Amino acid sequence: MGKWKHPGGKLREEGSESLSEAELLAILISTGMPGKSAEQIAGEVLAEYGSLAGLAGRPLEELLRFKGLSDVKIIRIAAALEIGRRLRAQ
């Protein structure tokens, strides 16, 4: 991940375009769990769905099977994906 402890620092210093999909998702996840960082959780989710586009529109319940994703984190991810969908529709 480089010199940043969390991708939010990278976003602040280099802009959102510099972040990978996993880093963007990790920002939404915010915190990990003992033994697993937010970045690792994001990587697992993207490995399963292939991309943020593959994740979009999936039932929220599916995400509960990923250790480290709580209801709050899943709702945050769903809200961000919906914002993106609405912006694309404009």
PDB file of N, CA and C in Angstrom:
ATOM      1  N   MET A   1       0.817  -1.200   0.000  1.00  0.00           N
ATOM      2  CA  MET A   1       0.000   0.000   0.000  1.00  0.00           C
ATOM      3  C   MET A   1       0.854   1.255   0.000  1.00  0.00           C
ATOM      4  N   GLY A   2       2.132   1.156   0.209  1.00  0.00           N
ATOM      5  CA  GLY A   2       2.975   2.333   0.135  1.00  0.00           C
ATOM      6  C   GLY A   2       3.105   3.028   1.466  1.00  0.00           C
ATOM      7  N   LYS A   3       3.261   4.337   1.423  1.00  0.00           N
ATOM      8  CA  LYS A   3       3.556   5.102   2.634  1.00  0.00           C
ATOM      9  C   LYS A   3       2.334   5.424   3.478  1.00  0.00           C
ATOM     10  N   TRP A   4       1.142   5.102   3.016  1.00  0.00           N
ATOM     11  CA  TRP A   4      -0.073   5.428   3.734  1.00  0.00           C
ATOM     12  C   TRP A   4      -0.513   4.258   4.602  1.00  0.00           C
ATOM     13  N   LYS A   5      -1.021   4.559   5.792  1.00  0.00           N
ATOM     14  CA  LYS A   5      -1.538   3.509   6.672  1.00  0.00           C
ATOM     15  C   LYS A   5      -2.932   3.078   6.244  1.00  0.00           C
ATOM     16  N   HIS A   6      -3.625   3.938   5.548  1.00  0.00           N
ATOM     17  CA  HIS A   6      -4.975   3.659   5.071  1.00  0.00           C
ATOM     18  C   HIS A   6      -5.136   4.373   3.730  1.00  0.00           C
ATOM     19  N   PRO A   7      -5.914   3.823   2.821  1.00  0.00           N
ATOM     20  CA  PRO A   7      -6.058   4.459   1.504  1.00  0.00           C
ATOM     21  C   PRO A   7      -6.633   5.867   1.546  1.00  0.00           C
ATOM     22  N   GLY A   8      -7.263   6.247   2.646  1.00  0.00           N
ATOM     23  CA  GLY A   8      -7.774   7.613   2.752  1.00  0.00           C
ATOM     24  C   GLY A   8      -6.665   8.648   2.649  1.00  0.00           C
ATOM     25  N   GLY A   9      -5.500   8.338   3.197  1.00  0.00           N
ATOM     26  CA  GLY A   9      -4.358   9.245   3.084  1.00  0.00           C
ATOM     27  C   GLY A   9      -3.897   9.376   1.641  1.00  0.00           C
ATOM     28  N   LYS A  10      -3.897   8.277   0.929  1.00  0.00           N
ATOM     29  CA  LYS A  10      -3.522   8.301  -0.480  1.00  0.00           C
ATOM     30  C   LYS A  10      -4.521   9.128  -1.279  1.00  0.00           C
ATOM     31  N   LEU A  11      -5.806   8.949  -0.987  1.00  0.00           N
ATOM     32  CA  LEU A  11      -6.839   9.717  -1.682  1.00  0.00           C
ATOM     33  C   LEU A  11      -6.634  11.210  -1.438  1.00  0.00           C
ATOM     34  N   ARG A  12      -6.373  11.569  -0.188  1.00  0.00           N
ATOM     35  CA  ARG A  12      -6.196  12.975   0.165  1.00  0.00           C
ATOM     36  C   ARG A  12      -4.988  13.576  -0.558  1.00  0.00           C
ATOM     37  N   GLU A  13      -3.895  12.822  -0.653  1.00  0.00           N
ATOM     38  CA  GLU A  13      -2.669  13.366  -1.217  1.00  0.00           C
ATOM     39  C   GLU A  13      -2.572  13.234  -2.730  1.00  0.00           C
ATOM     40  N   GLU A  14      -3.149  12.170  -3.296  1.00  0.00           N
ATOM     41  CA  GLU A  14      -2.978  11.928  -4.729  1.00  0.00           C
ATOM     42  C   GLU A  14      -4.269  11.963  -5.530  1.00  0.00           C
ATOM     43  N   GLY A  15      -5.404  12.055  -4.853  1.00  0.00           N
ATOM     44  CA  GLY A  15      -6.685  12.101  -5.545  1.00  0.00           C
ATOM     45  C   GLY A  15      -7.314  10.730  -5.699  1.00  0.00           C
ATOM     46  N   SER A  16      -8.619  10.722  -5.862  1.00  0.00           N
ATOM     47  CA  SER A  16      -9.366   9.468  -5.924  1.00  0.00           C
ATOM     48  C   SER A  16      -9.004   8.617  -7.138  1.00  0.00           C
ATOM     49  N   GLU A  17      -8.575   9.255  -8.223  1.00  0.00           N
ATOM     50  CA  GLU A  17      -8.241   8.508  -9.430  1.00  0.00           C
ATOM     51  C   GLU A  17      -7.046   7.588  -9.216  1.00  0.00           C
ATOM     52  N   SER A  18      -6.229   7.883  -8.209  1.00  0.00           N
ATOM     53  CA  SER A  18      -5.015   7.092  -7.969  1.00  0.00           C
ATOM     54  C   SER A  18      -5.295   5.798  -7.214  1.00  0.00           C
ATOM     55  N   LEU A  19      -6.501   5.634  -6.706  1.00  0.00           N
ATOM     56  CA  LEU A  19      -6.823   4.460  -5.900  1.00  0.00           C
ATOM     57  C   LEU A  19      -7.357   3.310  -6.744  1.00  0.00           C
ATOM     58  N   SER A  20      -7.008   2.107  -6.335  1.00  0.00           N
ATOM     59  CA  SER A  20      -7.553   0.907  -6.969  1.00  0.00           C
ATOM     60  C   SER A  20      -8.978   0.692  -6.452  1.00  0.00           C
ATOM     61  N   GLU A  21      -9.700  -0.215  -7.085  1.00  0.00           N
ATOM     62  CA  GLU A  21     -11.045  -0.541  -6.605  1.00  0.00           C
ATOM     63  C   GLU A  21     -10.982  -1.082  -5.185  1.00  0.00           C
ATOM     64  N   ALA A  22      -9.964  -1.878  -4.867  1.00  0.00           N
ATOM     65  CA  ALA A  22      -9.833  -2.429  -3.517  1.00  0.00           C
ATOM     66  C   ALA A  22      -9.603  -1.320  -2.497  1.00  0.00           C
ATOM     67  N   GLU A  23      -8.810  -0.332  -2.845  1.00  0.00           N
ATOM     68  CA  GLU A  23      -8.566   0.784  -1.929  1.00  0.00           C
ATOM     69  C   GLU A  23      -9.828   1.613  -1.718  1.00  0.00           C
ATOM     70  N   LEU A  24     -10.586   1.850  -2.778  1.00  0.00           N
ATOM     71  CA  LEU A  24     -11.840   2.591  -2.639  1.00  0.00           C
ATOM     72  C   LEU A  24     -12.814   1.832  -1.743  1.00  0.00           C
ATOM     73  N   LEU A  25     -12.931   0.539  -1.956  1.00  0.00           N
ATOM     74  CA  LEU A  25     -13.817  -0.279  -1.142  1.00  0.00           C
ATOM     75  C   LEU A  25     -13.339  -0.311   0.306  1.00  0.00           C
ATOM     76  N   ALA A  26     -12.040  -0.366   0.514  1.00  0.00           N
ATOM     77  CA  ALA A  26     -11.487  -0.378   1.869  1.00  0.00           C
ATOM     78  C   ALA A  26     -11.838   0.906   2.622  1.00  0.00           C
ATOM     79  N   ILE A  27     -11.898   2.025   1.922  1.00  0.00           N
ATOM     80  CA  ILE A  27     -12.302   3.282   2.571  1.00  0.00           C
ATOM     81  C   ILE A  27     -13.729   3.160   3.084  1.00  0.00           C
ATOM     82  N   LEU A  28     -14.612   2.555   2.303  1.00  0.00           N
ATOM     83  CA  LEU A  28     -15.997   2.370   2.741  1.00  0.00           C
ATOM     84  C   LEU A  28     -16.077   1.390   3.906  1.00  0.00           C
ATOM     85  N   ILE A  29     -15.271   0.349   3.869  1.00  0.00           N
ATOM     86  CA  ILE A  29     -15.262  -0.642   4.943  1.00  0.00           C
ATOM     87  C   ILE A  29     -14.707  -0.016   6.220  1.00  0.00           C
ATOM     88  N   SER A  30     -13.756   0.872   6.058  1.00  0.00           N
ATOM     89  CA  SER A  30     -13.196   1.689   7.130  1.00  0.00           C
ATOM     90  C   SER A  30     -12.246   0.936   8.056  1.00  0.00           C
ATOM     91  N   THR A  31     -12.731  -0.017   8.795  1.00  0.00           N
ATOM     92  CA  THR A  31     -11.876  -0.738   9.735  1.00  0.00           C
ATOM     93  C   THR A  31     -11.961  -2.229   9.461  1.00  0.00           C
ATOM     94  N   GLY A  32     -10.900  -2.890   9.781  1.00  0.00           N
ATOM     95  CA  GLY A  32     -10.878  -4.334   9.634  1.00  0.00           C
ATOM     96  C   GLY A  32     -11.307  -5.006  10.929  1.00  0.00           C
ATOM     97  N   MET A  33     -10.678  -6.117  11.185  1.00  0.00           N
ATOM     98  CA  MET A  33     -10.947  -6.881  12.395  1.00  0.00           C
ATOM     99  C   MET A  33      -9.611  -7.458  12.840  1.00  0.00           C
ATOM    100  N   PRO A  34      -9.535  -8.009  14.024  1.00  0.00           N
ATOM    101  CA  PRO A  34      -8.248  -8.580  14.438  1.00  0.00           C
ATOM    102  C   PRO A  34      -7.732  -9.588  13.406  1.00  0.00           C
ATOM    103  N   GLY A  35      -6.537  -9.336  12.922  1.00  0.00           N
ATOM    104  CA  GLY A  35      -5.920 -10.232  11.962  1.00  0.00           C
ATOM    105  C   GLY A  35      -6.276  -9.993  10.511  1.00  0.00           C
ATOM    106  N   LYS A  36      -7.157  -9.032  10.246  1.00  0.00           N
ATOM    107  CA  LYS A  36      -7.568  -8.779   8.854  1.00  0.00           C
ATOM    108  C   LYS A  36      -7.878  -7.291   8.686  1.00  0.00           C
ATOM    109  N   SER A  37      -7.137  -6.645   7.806  1.00  0.00           N
ATOM    110  CA  SER A  37      -7.338  -5.215   7.563  1.00  0.00           C
ATOM    111  C   SER A  37      -8.535  -4.975   6.646  1.00  0.00           C
ATOM    112  N   ALA A  38      -8.971  -3.728   6.607  1.00  0.00           N
ATOM    113  CA  ALA A  38     -10.051  -3.348   5.686  1.00  0.00           C
ATOM    114  C   ALA A  38      -9.635  -3.626   4.245  1.00  0.00           C
ATOM    115  N   GLU A  39      -8.352  -3.417   3.943  1.00  0.00           N
ATOM    116  CA  GLU A  39      -7.858  -3.672   2.599  1.00  0.00           C
ATOM    117  C   GLU A  39      -7.928  -5.159   2.253  1.00  0.00           C
ATOM    118  N   GLN A  40      -7.647  -6.017   3.213  1.00  0.00           N
ATOM    119  CA  GLN A  40      -7.730  -7.462   2.971  1.00  0.00           C
ATOM    120  C   GLN A  40      -9.177  -7.902   2.761  1.00  0.00           C
ATOM    121  N   ILE A  41     -10.081  -7.352   3.553  1.00  0.00           N
ATOM    122  CA  ILE A  41     -11.503  -7.673   3.388  1.00  0.00           C
ATOM    123  C   ILE A  41     -11.972  -7.222   2.006  1.00  0.00           C
ATOM    124  N   ALA A  42     -11.592  -6.009   1.623  1.00  0.00           N
ATOM    125  CA  ALA A  42     -11.963  -5.495   0.295  1.00  0.00           C
ATOM    126  C   ALA A  42     -11.425  -6.401  -0.802  1.00  0.00           C
ATOM    127  N   GLY A  43     -10.196  -6.861  -0.640  1.00  0.00           N
ATOM    128  CA  GLY A  43      -9.608  -7.763  -1.623  1.00  0.00           C
ATOM    129  C   GLY A  43     -10.378  -9.066  -1.754  1.00  0.00           C
ATOM    130  N   GLU A  44     -10.835  -9.605  -0.623  1.00  0.00           N
ATOM    131  CA  GLU A  44     -11.628 -10.839  -0.654  1.00  0.00           C
ATOM    132  C   GLU A  44     -12.953 -10.633  -1.378  1.00  0.00           C
ATOM    133  N   VAL A  45     -13.602  -9.515  -1.096  1.00  0.00           N
ATOM    134  CA  VAL A  45     -14.886  -9.221  -1.743  1.00  0.00           C
ATOM    135  C   VAL A  45     -14.695  -9.088  -3.250  1.00  0.00           C
ATOM    136  N   LEU A  46     -13.670  -8.344  -3.657  1.00  0.00           N
ATOM    137  CA  LEU A  46     -13.440  -8.144  -5.090  1.00  0.00           C
ATOM    138  C   LEU A  46     -12.970  -9.419  -5.775  1.00  0.00           C
ATOM    139  N   ALA A  47     -12.256 -10.268  -5.061  1.00  0.00           N
ATOM    140  CA  ALA A  47     -11.865 -11.559  -5.643  1.00  0.00           C
ATOM    141  C   ALA A  47     -13.100 -12.400  -5.940  1.00  0.00           C
ATOM    142  N   GLU A  48     -14.102 -12.289  -5.088  1.00  0.00           N
ATOM    143  CA  GLU A  48     -15.347 -13.048  -5.286  1.00  0.00           C
ATOM    144  C   GLU A  48     -16.186 -12.490  -6.437  1.00  0.00           C
ATOM    145  N   TYR A  49     -16.284 -11.166  -6.530  1.00  0.00           N
ATOM    146  CA  TYR A  49     -17.178 -10.536  -7.507  1.00  0.00           C
ATOM    147  C   TYR A  49     -16.468  -9.985  -8.741  1.00  0.00           C
ATOM    148  N   GLY A  50     -15.153  -9.971  -8.732  1.00  0.00           N
ATOM    149  CA  GLY A  50     -14.392  -9.549  -9.896  1.00  0.00           C
ATOM    150  C   GLY A  50     -14.123  -8.064 -10.000  1.00  0.00           C
ATOM    151  N   SER A  51     -15.053  -7.250  -9.541  1.00  0.00           N
ATOM    152  CA  SER A  51     -14.917  -5.795  -9.642  1.00  0.00           C
ATOM    153  C   SER A  51     -16.044  -5.148  -8.850  1.00  0.00           C
ATOM    154  N   LEU A  52     -15.965  -3.827  -8.739  1.00  0.00           N
ATOM    155  CA  LEU A  52     -17.079  -3.102  -8.108  1.00  0.00           C
ATOM    156  C   LEU A  52     -18.347  -3.253  -8.939  1.00  0.00           C
ATOM    157  N   ALA A  53     -18.198  -3.293 -10.258  1.00  0.00           N
ATOM    158  CA  ALA A  53     -19.362  -3.486 -11.131  1.00  0.00           C
ATOM    159  C   ALA A  53     -20.003  -4.848 -10.865  1.00  0.00           C
ATOM    160  N   GLY A  54     -19.185  -5.854 -10.631  1.00  0.00           N
ATOM    161  CA  GLY A  54     -19.704  -7.183 -10.323  1.00  0.00           C
ATOM    162  C   GLY A  54     -20.392  -7.243  -8.974  1.00  0.00           C
ATOM    163  N   LEU A  55     -19.942  -6.399  -8.064  1.00  0.00           N
ATOM    164  CA  LEU A  55     -20.541  -6.325  -6.728  1.00  0.00           C
ATOM    165  C   LEU A  55     -21.876  -5.582  -6.750  1.00  0.00           C
ATOM    166  N   ALA A  56     -21.973  -4.586  -7.615  1.00  0.00           N
ATOM    167  CA  ALA A  56     -23.173  -3.741  -7.659  1.00  0.00           C
ATOM    168  C   ALA A  56     -24.411  -4.578  -7.964  1.00  0.00           C
ATOM    169  N   GLY A  57     -25.444  -4.331  -7.227  1.00  0.00           N
ATOM    170  CA  GLY A  57     -26.717  -4.999  -7.468  1.00  0.00           C
ATOM    171  C   GLY A  57     -26.851  -6.364  -6.817  1.00  0.00           C
ATOM    172  N   ARG A  58     -25.794  -6.849  -6.177  1.00  0.00           N
ATOM    173  CA  ARG A  58     -25.880  -8.138  -5.497  1.00  0.00           C
ATOM    174  C   ARG A  58     -26.708  -7.965  -4.226  1.00  0.00           C
ATOM    175  N   PRO A  59     -27.424  -8.983  -3.807  1.00  0.00           N
ATOM    176  CA  PRO A  59     -28.190  -8.882  -2.559  1.00  0.00           C
ATOM    177  C   PRO A  59     -27.265  -8.612  -1.375  1.00  0.00           C
ATOM    178  N   LEU A  60     -27.675  -7.706  -0.532  1.00  0.00           N
ATOM    179  CA  LEU A  60     -26.860  -7.323   0.621  1.00  0.00           C
ATOM    180  C   LEU A  60     -26.536  -8.512   1.510  1.00  0.00           C
ATOM    181  N   GLU A  61     -27.465  -9.456   1.616  1.00  0.00           N
ATOM    182  CA  GLU A  61     -27.259 -10.613   2.488  1.00  0.00           C
ATOM    183  C   GLU A  61     -26.022 -11.412   2.081  1.00  0.00           C
ATOM    184  N   GLU A  62     -25.696 -11.410   0.789  1.00  0.00           N
ATOM    185  CA  GLU A  62     -24.530 -12.149   0.314  1.00  0.00           C
ATOM    186  C   GLU A  62     -23.247 -11.661   0.978  1.00  0.00           C
ATOM    187  N   LEU A  63     -23.184 -10.368   1.258  1.00  0.00           N
ATOM    188  CA  LEU A  63     -21.967  -9.803   1.815  1.00  0.00           C
ATOM    189  C   LEU A  63     -21.750 -10.183   3.275  1.00  0.00           C
ATOM    190  N   LEU A  64     -22.795 -10.625   3.940  1.00  0.00           N
ATOM    191  CA  LEU A  64     -22.659 -11.003   5.348  1.00  0.00           C
ATOM    192  C   LEU A  64     -21.736 -12.202   5.548  1.00  0.00           C
ATOM    193  N   ARG A  65     -21.500 -12.958   4.498  1.00  0.00           N
ATOM    194  CA  ARG A  65     -20.639 -14.136   4.653  1.00  0.00           C
ATOM    195  C   ARG A  65     -19.162 -13.778   4.720  1.00  0.00           C
ATOM    196  N   PHE A  66     -18.823 -12.529   4.426  1.00  0.00           N
ATOM    197  CA  PHE A  66     -17.431 -12.097   4.526  1.00  0.00           C
ATOM    198  C   PHE A  66     -17.137 -11.661   5.951  1.00  0.00           C
ATOM    199  N   LYS A  67     -16.199 -12.345   6.590  1.00  0.00           N
ATOM    200  CA  LYS A  67     -15.831 -11.974   7.954  1.00  0.00           C
ATOM    201  C   LYS A  67     -15.273 -10.566   7.945  1.00  0.00           C
ATOM    202  N   GLY A  68     -15.781  -9.755   8.852  1.00  0.00           N
ATOM    203  CA  GLY A  68     -15.336  -8.371   8.951  1.00  0.00           C
ATOM    204  C   GLY A  68     -16.299  -7.378   8.345  1.00  0.00           C
ATOM    205  N   LEU A  69     -17.347  -7.867   7.668  1.00  0.00           N
ATOM    206  CA  LEU A  69     -18.356  -6.957   7.121  1.00  0.00           C
ATOM    207  C   LEU A  69     -19.602  -7.016   7.991  1.00  0.00           C
ATOM    208  N   SER A  70     -19.868  -5.931   8.678  1.00  0.00           N
ATOM    209  CA  SER A  70     -21.062  -5.819   9.517  1.00  0.00           C
ATOM    210  C   SER A  70     -22.197  -5.210   8.700  1.00  0.00           C
ATOM    211  N   ASP A  71     -23.373  -5.185   9.285  1.00  0.00           N
ATOM    212  CA  ASP A  71     -24.527  -4.558   8.625  1.00  0.00           C
ATOM    213  C   ASP A  71     -24.213  -3.111   8.244  1.00  0.00           C
ATOM    214  N   VAL A  72     -23.604  -2.368   9.144  1.00  0.00           N
ATOM    215  CA  VAL A  72     -23.308  -0.955   8.892  1.00  0.00           C
ATOM    216  C   VAL A  72     -22.372  -0.803   7.693  1.00  0.00           C
ATOM    217  N   LYS A  73     -21.354  -1.634   7.634  1.00  0.00           N
ATOM    218  CA  LYS A  73     -20.406  -1.551   6.526  1.00  0.00           C
ATOM    219  C   LYS A  73     -21.066  -1.933   5.207  1.00  0.00           C
ATOM    220  N   ILE A  74     -21.896  -2.940   5.229  1.00  0.00           N
ATOM    221  CA  ILE A  74     -22.590  -3.374   4.015  1.00  0.00           C
ATOM    222  C   ILE A  74     -23.553  -2.295   3.533  1.00  0.00           C
ATOM    223  N   ILE A  75     -24.248  -1.658   4.442  1.00  0.00           N
ATOM    224  CA  ILE A  75     -25.166  -0.573   4.073  1.00  0.00           C
ATOM    225  C   ILE A  75     -24.388   0.596   3.481  1.00  0.00           C
ATOM    226  N   ARG A  76     -23.222   0.901   4.040  1.00  0.00           N
ATOM    227  CA  ARG A  76     -22.368   1.976   3.512  1.00  0.00           C
ATOM    228  C   ARG A  76     -21.938   1.650   2.078  1.00  0.00           C
ATOM    229  N   ILE A  77     -21.550   0.414   1.828  1.00  0.00           N
ATOM    230  CA  ILE A  77     -21.145  -0.009   0.487  1.00  0.00           C
ATOM    231  C   ILE A  77     -22.326   0.097  -0.479  1.00  0.00           C
ATOM    232  N   ALA A  78     -23.492  -0.388  -0.058  1.00  0.00           N
ATOM    233  CA  ALA A  78     -24.688  -0.337  -0.911  1.00  0.00           C
ATOM    234  C   ALA A  78     -25.055   1.107  -1.245  1.00  0.00           C
ATOM    235  N   ALA A  79     -24.950   2.001  -0.267  1.00  0.00           N
ATOM    236  CA  ALA A  79     -25.282   3.407  -0.498  1.00  0.00           C
ATOM    237  C   ALA A  79     -24.311   4.031  -1.503  1.00  0.00           C
ATOM    238  N   ALA A  80     -23.025   3.739  -1.374  1.00  0.00           N
ATOM    239  CA  ALA A  80     -22.041   4.285  -2.308  1.00  0.00           C
ATOM    240  C   ALA A  80     -22.278   3.771  -3.727  1.00  0.00           C
ATOM    241  N   LEU A  81     -22.581   2.486  -3.861  1.00  0.00           N
ATOM    242  CA  LEU A  81     -22.865   1.930  -5.186  1.00  0.00           C
ATOM    243  C   LEU A  81     -24.120   2.563  -5.780  1.00  0.00           C
ATOM    244  N   GLU A  82     -25.110   2.828  -4.959  1.00  0.00           N
ATOM    245  CA  GLU A  82     -26.338   3.477  -5.444  1.00  0.00           C
ATOM    246  C   GLU A  82     -26.065   4.911  -5.872  1.00  0.00           C
ATOM    247  N   ILE A  83     -25.221   5.615  -5.140  1.00  0.00           N
ATOM    248  CA  ILE A  83     -24.845   6.974  -5.551  1.00  0.00           C
ATOM    249  C   ILE A  83     -24.206   6.922  -6.935  1.00  0.00           C
ATOM    250  N   GLY A  84     -23.293   5.984  -7.137  1.00  0.00           N
ATOM    251  CA  GLY A  84     -22.660   5.839  -8.443  1.00  0.00           C
ATOM    252  C   GLY A  84     -23.667   5.519  -9.531  1.00  0.00           C
ATOM    253  N   ARG A  85     -24.617   4.634  -9.238  1.00  0.00           N
ATOM    254  CA  ARG A  85     -25.643   4.282 -10.222  1.00  0.00           C
ATOM    255  C   ARG A  85     -26.464   5.505 -10.600  1.00  0.00           C
ATOM    256  N   ARG A  86     -26.853   6.292  -9.612  1.00  0.00           N
ATOM    257  CA  ARG A  86     -27.664   7.474  -9.890  1.00  0.00           C
ATOM    258  C   ARG A  86     -26.883   8.529 -10.688  1.00  0.00           C
ATOM    259  N   LEU A  87     -25.623   8.683 -10.378  1.00  0.00           N
ATOM    260  CA  LEU A  87     -24.815   9.639 -11.142  1.00  0.00           C
ATOM    261  C   LEU A  87     -24.669   9.206 -12.595  1.00  0.00           C
ATOM    262  N   ARG A  88     -24.500   7.906 -12.818  1.00  0.00           N
ATOM    263  CA  ARG A  88     -24.405   7.391 -14.196  1.00  0.00           C
ATOM    264  C   ARG A  88     -25.711   7.613 -14.954  1.00  0.00           C
ATOM    265  N   ALA A  89     -26.821   7.553 -14.245  1.00  0.00           N
ATOM    266  CA  ALA A  89     -28.135   7.671 -14.889  1.00  0.00           C
ATOM    267  C   ALA A  89     -28.473   9.105 -15.286  1.00  0.00           C
ATOM    268  N   GLN A  90     -27.756  10.060 -14.762  1.00  0.00           N
ATOM    269  CA  GLN A  90     -28.067  11.466 -15.056  1.00  0.00           C
ATOM    270  C   GLN A  90     -27.644  11.869 -16.446  1.00  0.00           C
TER     271      GLN A  90
END
